[in-house]
Amino acid sequence: MATPLTLYVPVSQNPLIQAKLPELAKGFVDSVRDGLNASKIVHYARLALIPNLKGGGYQAVCLITTFDGPMNPYLKYFWDTPGTQAAFKGIAAIALTPPKPPVKDLNGFENFINKNNLNQPADLYQAYTQTVKQIIGAPSPAATAKKGGAKAGAKTTAKAGAKGGSKAGAKAGAKAGKKR
């Protein structure tokens, strides 16, 4: 069963932080890609900048992920992974109201994330129940269709040949015979 994380963090309105936000958001996925891939539990991850309602700049960052399993083991994995830990610490550092005490350990990290998460597992619609590990290990639909289609086509041709032709061929021959 997948779990959602919608981490909503209002950000500092300091002009220096505001100016860097687009660059940070643009590089976010590249900065955490290796950790996400290695986890084999994250279905999707993205970072969105929420614009200020009045004027320019940004009101908040919103980190949205969907992953397999419960929240705190997920958070522990990312706390233990240096690249993703740095990304989360970066988000905490630009917060309008930074966590007190600052995020320095797993407990503080879990508290910060859980306090700012807008969703719970019951909030997520899930069309499929496979985990990332199951999806990665499964053959692609194209490969399955190609392999299955070739076998099915060969069986149909073999059966038609054994019966002296295909039904379509028999129908076409019958129609041609009626026209003569």
C-alpha atoms as a PDB file:
ATOM      1  CA  MET A   1       0.000   0.000   0.000  1.00  0.00           C
ATOM      2  CA  ALA A   2       1.352   3.422  -0.967  1.00  0.00           C
ATOM      3  CA  THR A   3       1.619   6.384   1.395  1.00  0.00           C
ATOM      4  CA  PRO A   4       1.442  10.078   0.442  1.00  0.00           C
ATOM      5  CA  LEU A   5       3.652  12.863   1.690  1.00  0.00           C
ATOM      6  CA  THR A   6       2.590  16.424   0.935  1.00  0.00           C
ATOM      7  CA  LEU A   7       5.155  18.451   2.834  1.00  0.00           C
ATOM      8  CA  TYR A   8       3.991  22.080   2.864  1.00  0.00           C
ATOM      9  CA  VAL A   9       6.550  24.508   4.228  1.00  0.00           C
ATOM     10  CA  PRO A  10       5.952  28.287   4.191  1.00  0.00           C
ATOM     11  CA  VAL A  11       9.259  29.903   3.227  1.00  0.00           C
ATOM     12  CA  SER A  12      11.176  32.942   4.362  1.00  0.00           C
ATOM     13  CA  GLN A  13      10.385  36.121   2.449  1.00  0.00           C
ATOM     14  CA  ASN A  14      14.047  37.172   2.624  1.00  0.00           C
ATOM     15  CA  PRO A  15      14.913  38.459  -0.892  1.00  0.00           C
ATOM     16  CA  LEU A  16      18.089  36.342  -1.066  1.00  0.00           C
ATOM     17  CA  ILE A  17      16.177  33.122  -0.285  1.00  0.00           C
ATOM     18  CA  GLN A  18      13.345  34.098  -2.618  1.00  0.00           C
ATOM     19  CA  ALA A  19      15.815  34.678  -5.478  1.00  0.00           C
ATOM     20  CA  LYS A  20      17.375  31.219  -5.029  1.00  0.00           C
ATOM     21  CA  LEU A  21      14.127  29.225  -4.802  1.00  0.00           C
ATOM     22  CA  PRO A  22      13.587  28.688  -8.574  1.00  0.00           C
ATOM     23  CA  GLU A  23      17.139  27.373  -8.972  1.00  0.00           C
ATOM     24  CA  LEU A  24      16.798  25.103  -5.940  1.00  0.00           C
ATOM     25  CA  ALA A  25      13.459  23.729  -7.174  1.00  0.00           C
ATOM     26  CA  LYS A  26      14.841  23.140 -10.670  1.00  0.00           C
ATOM     27  CA  GLY A  27      17.746  21.071  -9.321  1.00  0.00           C
ATOM     28  CA  PHE A  28      15.761  19.223  -6.662  1.00  0.00           C
ATOM     29  CA  VAL A  29      14.990  16.013  -8.565  1.00  0.00           C
ATOM     30  CA  ASP A  30      18.576  15.689  -9.823  1.00  0.00           C
ATOM     31  CA  SER A  31      19.908  16.189  -6.294  1.00  0.00           C
ATOM     32  CA  VAL A  32      17.813  13.353  -4.830  1.00  0.00           C
ATOM     33  CA  ARG A  33      17.449  10.996  -7.831  1.00  0.00           C
ATOM     34  CA  ASP A  34      20.144   8.520  -6.714  1.00  0.00           C
ATOM     35  CA  GLY A  35      18.696   8.238  -3.211  1.00  0.00           C
ATOM     36  CA  LEU A  36      15.163   7.827  -4.557  1.00  0.00           C
ATOM     37  CA  ASN A  37      16.228   5.137  -7.027  1.00  0.00           C
ATOM     38  CA  ALA A  38      18.256   3.285  -4.402  1.00  0.00           C
ATOM     39  CA  SER A  39      15.317   3.259  -1.987  1.00  0.00           C
ATOM     40  CA  LYS A  40      13.175   1.176  -4.378  1.00  0.00           C
ATOM     41  CA  ILE A  41      10.088   2.462  -2.533  1.00  0.00           C
ATOM     42  CA  VAL A  42       9.343   5.875  -4.107  1.00  0.00           C
ATOM     43  CA  HIS A  43       6.743   5.915  -6.873  1.00  0.00           C
ATOM     44  CA  TYR A  44       6.779   9.682  -7.497  1.00  0.00           C
ATOM     45  CA  ALA A  45       8.497  12.782  -6.123  1.00  0.00           C
ATOM     46  CA  ARG A  46       8.319  16.437  -7.041  1.00  0.00           C
ATOM     47  CA  LEU A  47       8.872  19.851  -5.536  1.00  0.00           C
ATOM     48  CA  ALA A  48       6.484  22.708  -6.311  1.00  0.00           C
ATOM     49  CA  LEU A  49       6.889  26.378  -5.504  1.00  0.00           C
ATOM     50  CA  ILE A  50       3.657  27.989  -4.286  1.00  0.00           C
ATOM     51  CA  PRO A  51       3.488  31.623  -5.458  1.00  0.00           C
ATOM     52  CA  ASN A  52       2.636  34.461  -3.108  1.00  0.00           C
ATOM     53  CA  LEU A  53      -0.986  35.481  -3.544  1.00  0.00           C
ATOM     54  CA  LYS A  54      -0.091  39.170  -3.547  1.00  0.00           C
ATOM     55  CA  GLY A  55       2.974  40.225  -5.467  1.00  0.00           C
ATOM     56  CA  GLY A  56       5.992  38.239  -6.616  1.00  0.00           C
ATOM     57  CA  GLY A  57       8.005  35.580  -4.938  1.00  0.00           C
ATOM     58  CA  TYR A  58       6.948  32.388  -3.237  1.00  0.00           C
ATOM     59  CA  GLN A  59       4.791  31.645  -0.241  1.00  0.00           C
ATOM     60  CA  ALA A  60       5.873  28.032   0.273  1.00  0.00           C
ATOM     61  CA  VAL A  61       7.543  24.928  -1.075  1.00  0.00           C
ATOM     62  CA  CYS A  62       5.539  21.758  -1.402  1.00  0.00           C
ATOM     63  CA  LEU A  63       7.327  18.420  -1.592  1.00  0.00           C
ATOM     64  CA  ILE A  64       4.976  15.735  -2.876  1.00  0.00           C
ATOM     65  CA  THR A  65       5.955  12.061  -2.837  1.00  0.00           C
ATOM     66  CA  THR A  66       4.179   8.730  -2.995  1.00  0.00           C
ATOM     67  CA  PHE A  67       6.025   5.770  -1.515  1.00  0.00           C
ATOM     68  CA  ASP A  68       5.588   2.214  -0.250  1.00  0.00           C
ATOM     69  CA  GLY A  69       5.196   1.472   3.448  1.00  0.00           C
ATOM     70  CA  PRO A  70       4.637   3.588   6.558  1.00  0.00           C
ATOM     71  CA  MET A  71       5.930   7.136   7.040  1.00  0.00           C
ATOM     72  CA  ASN A  72       8.627   6.874   9.730  1.00  0.00           C
ATOM     73  CA  PRO A  73      10.646   3.997   8.162  1.00  0.00           C
ATOM     74  CA  TYR A  74      10.564   6.025   4.911  1.00  0.00           C
ATOM     75  CA  LEU A  75      11.846   9.073   6.759  1.00  0.00           C
ATOM     76  CA  LYS A  76      14.567   7.031   8.473  1.00  0.00           C
ATOM     77  CA  TYR A  77      15.845   5.792   5.110  1.00  0.00           C
ATOM     78  CA  PHE A  78      16.114   9.346   3.802  1.00  0.00           C
ATOM     79  CA  TRP A  79      17.645  10.667   6.997  1.00  0.00           C
ATOM     80  CA  ASP A  80      20.316   7.964   6.654  1.00  0.00           C
ATOM     81  CA  THR A  81      20.977   8.920   2.981  1.00  0.00           C
ATOM     82  CA  PRO A  82      23.300  11.978   2.814  1.00  0.00           C
ATOM     83  CA  GLY A  83      21.922  13.556  -0.398  1.00  0.00           C
ATOM     84  CA  THR A  84      18.295  13.420   0.641  1.00  0.00           C
ATOM     85  CA  GLN A  85      19.106  14.417   4.220  1.00  0.00           C
ATOM     86  CA  ALA A  86      20.813  17.543   2.852  1.00  0.00           C
ATOM     87  CA  ALA A  87      17.766  18.346   0.680  1.00  0.00           C
ATOM     88  CA  PHE A  88      15.385  18.045   3.639  1.00  0.00           C
ATOM     89  CA  LYS A  89      17.686  20.087   5.880  1.00  0.00           C
ATOM     90  CA  GLY A  90      17.750  22.710   3.129  1.00  0.00           C
ATOM     91  CA  ILE A  91      13.954  22.889   3.114  1.00  0.00           C
ATOM     92  CA  ALA A  92      13.916  23.255   6.907  1.00  0.00           C
ATOM     93  CA  ALA A  93      16.567  25.999   6.719  1.00  0.00           C
ATOM     94  CA  ILE A  94      14.511  28.204   4.371  1.00  0.00           C
ATOM     95  CA  ALA A  95      11.282  27.773   6.332  1.00  0.00           C
ATOM     96  CA  LEU A  96       9.459  30.924   7.373  1.00  0.00           C
ATOM     97  CA  THR A  97       9.431  29.459  10.871  1.00  0.00           C
ATOM     98  CA  PRO A  98      12.421  27.101  11.079  1.00  0.00           C
ATOM     99  CA  PRO A  99      11.978  24.101  13.361  1.00  0.00           C
ATOM    100  CA  LYS A 100      13.022  24.625  16.961  1.00  0.00           C
ATOM    101  CA  PRO A 101      15.222  22.985  17.882  1.00  0.00           C
ATOM    102  CA  PRO A 102      16.845  22.811  14.427  1.00  0.00           C
ATOM    103  CA  VAL A 103      16.645  19.473  12.615  1.00  0.00           C
ATOM    104  CA  LYS A 104      19.791  17.666  13.778  1.00  0.00           C
ATOM    105  CA  ASP A 105      18.641  14.090  14.316  1.00  0.00           C
ATOM    106  CA  LEU A 106      16.093  11.546  13.108  1.00  0.00           C
ATOM    107  CA  ASN A 107      13.574  12.430  15.824  1.00  0.00           C
ATOM    108  CA  GLY A 108      13.659  16.131  14.939  1.00  0.00           C
ATOM    109  CA  PHE A 109      13.402  15.271  11.242  1.00  0.00           C
ATOM    110  CA  GLU A 110      10.366  13.019  11.784  1.00  0.00           C
ATOM    111  CA  ASN A 111       8.693  15.700  13.917  1.00  0.00           C
ATOM    112  CA  PHE A 112       9.290  18.411  11.300  1.00  0.00           C
ATOM    113  CA  ILE A 113       7.989  16.300   8.405  1.00  0.00           C
ATOM    114  CA  ASN A 114       4.971  14.893  10.245  1.00  0.00           C
ATOM    115  CA  LYS A 115       3.999  18.353  11.554  1.00  0.00           C
ATOM    116  CA  ASN A 116       4.060  19.829   8.024  1.00  0.00           C
ATOM    117  CA  ASN A 117       2.549  16.882   6.109  1.00  0.00           C
ATOM    118  CA  LEU A 118      -0.895  17.759   4.726  1.00  0.00           C
ATOM    119  CA  ASN A 119      -1.949  14.177   3.893  1.00  0.00           C
ATOM    120  CA  GLN A 120      -2.506  10.818   5.531  1.00  0.00           C
ATOM    121  CA  PRO A 121      -2.649   7.369   3.878  1.00  0.00           C
ATOM    122  CA  ALA A 122      -6.476   7.447   3.849  1.00  0.00           C
ATOM    123  CA  ASP A 123      -6.297  10.569   1.629  1.00  0.00           C
ATOM    124  CA  LEU A 124      -4.651   8.700  -1.265  1.00  0.00           C
ATOM    125  CA  TYR A 125      -6.537   7.080  -4.132  1.00  0.00           C
ATOM    126  CA  GLN A 126      -4.526   4.145  -5.428  1.00  0.00           C
ATOM    127  CA  ALA A 127      -5.380   2.452  -8.739  1.00  0.00           C
ATOM    128  CA  TYR A 128      -2.901  -0.385  -8.243  1.00  0.00           C
ATOM    129  CA  THR A 129      -1.411  -2.184  -5.261  1.00  0.00           C
ATOM    130  CA  GLN A 130       2.018  -3.146  -6.630  1.00  0.00           C
ATOM    131  CA  THR A 131       5.073  -1.835  -4.843  1.00  0.00           C
ATOM    132  CA  VAL A 132       7.939  -0.146  -6.662  1.00  0.00           C
ATOM    133  CA  LYS A 133       9.993  -3.338  -6.268  1.00  0.00           C
ATOM    134  CA  GLN A 134       7.207  -5.370  -7.905  1.00  0.00           C
ATOM    135  CA  ILE A 135       6.813  -2.855 -10.725  1.00  0.00           C
ATOM    136  CA  ILE A 136      10.557  -2.646 -11.419  1.00  0.00           C
ATOM    137  CA  GLY A 137      10.837  -6.455 -11.413  1.00  0.00           C
ATOM    138  CA  ALA A 138       7.848  -7.009 -13.705  1.00  0.00           C
ATOM    139  CA  PRO A 139       8.312  -7.354 -17.463  1.00  0.00           C
ATOM    140  CA  SER A 140       7.150  -4.321 -19.442  1.00  0.00           C
ATOM    141  CA  PRO A 141       3.650  -4.497 -20.981  1.00  0.00           C
ATOM    142  CA  ALA A 142       5.163  -4.083 -24.465  1.00  0.00           C
ATOM    143  CA  ALA A 143       7.507  -7.033 -23.954  1.00  0.00           C
ATOM    144  CA  THR A 144       4.685  -9.162 -22.553  1.00  0.00           C
ATOM    145  CA  ALA A 145       2.334  -8.278 -25.426  1.00  0.00           C
ATOM    146  CA  LYS A 146       5.016  -8.874 -28.032  1.00  0.00           C
ATOM    147  CA  LYS A 147       5.997 -12.229 -26.533  1.00  0.00           C
ATOM    148  CA  GLY A 148       2.379 -13.298 -25.910  1.00  0.00           C
ATOM    149  CA  GLY A 149       1.225 -11.958 -29.299  1.00  0.00           C
ATOM    150  CA  ALA A 150       3.883 -13.915 -31.169  1.00  0.00           C
ATOM    151  CA  LYS A 151       2.949 -17.148 -29.407  1.00  0.00           C
ATOM    152  CA  ALA A 152      -0.762 -16.577 -29.876  1.00  0.00           C
ATOM    153  CA  GLY A 153      -0.282 -15.778 -33.570  1.00  0.00           C
ATOM    154  CA  ALA A 154       1.842 -18.883 -34.096  1.00  0.00           C
ATOM    155  CA  LYS A 155      -0.747 -21.094 -32.379  1.00  0.00           C
ATOM    156  CA  THR A 156      -3.587 -19.649 -34.459  1.00  0.00           C
ATOM    157  CA  THR A 157      -1.655 -20.128 -37.700  1.00  0.00           C
ATOM    158  CA  ALA A 158      -0.682 -23.681 -36.745  1.00  0.00           C
ATOM    159  CA  LYS A 159      -4.281 -24.584 -35.852  1.00  0.00           C
ATOM    160  CA  ALA A 160      -5.616 -23.039 -39.058  1.00  0.00           C
ATOM    161  CA  GLY A 161      -3.042 -24.906 -41.130  1.00  0.00           C
ATOM    162  CA  ALA A 162      -3.885 -28.190 -39.429  1.00  0.00           C
ATOM    163  CA  LYS A 163      -7.553 -27.690 -40.218  1.00  0.00           C
ATOM    164  CA  GLY A 164      -6.894 -26.922 -43.862  1.00  0.00           C
ATOM    165  CA  GLY A 165      -7.016 -23.139 -43.625  1.00  0.00           C
ATOM    166  CA  SER A 166      -8.437 -20.384 -41.555  1.00  0.00           C
ATOM    167  CA  LYS A 167     -12.107 -19.605 -40.992  1.00  0.00           C
ATOM    168  CA  ALA A 168     -11.602 -16.279 -42.722  1.00  0.00           C
ATOM    169  CA  GLY A 169     -10.093 -18.067 -45.703  1.00  0.00           C
ATOM    170  CA  ALA A 170     -13.003 -20.530 -45.782  1.00  0.00           C
ATOM    171  CA  LYS A 171     -15.537 -17.693 -45.697  1.00  0.00           C
ATOM    172  CA  ALA A 172     -13.750 -15.830 -48.466  1.00  0.00           C
ATOM    173  CA  GLY A 173     -13.679 -19.012 -50.590  1.00  0.00           C
ATOM    174  CA  ALA A 174     -17.394 -19.617 -49.989  1.00  0.00           C
ATOM    175  CA  LYS A 175     -18.246 -16.064 -51.062  1.00  0.00           C
ATOM    176  CA  ALA A 176     -16.151 -16.400 -54.198  1.00  0.00           C
ATOM    177  CA  GLY A 177     -17.857 -19.711 -55.038  1.00  0.00           C
ATOM    178  CA  LYS A 178     -21.317 -18.129 -54.781  1.00  0.00           C
ATOM    179  CA  LYS A 179     -20.372 -15.385 -57.262  1.00  0.00           C
ATOM    180  CA  ARG A 180     -19.421 -17.888 -60.010  1.00  0.00           C
END
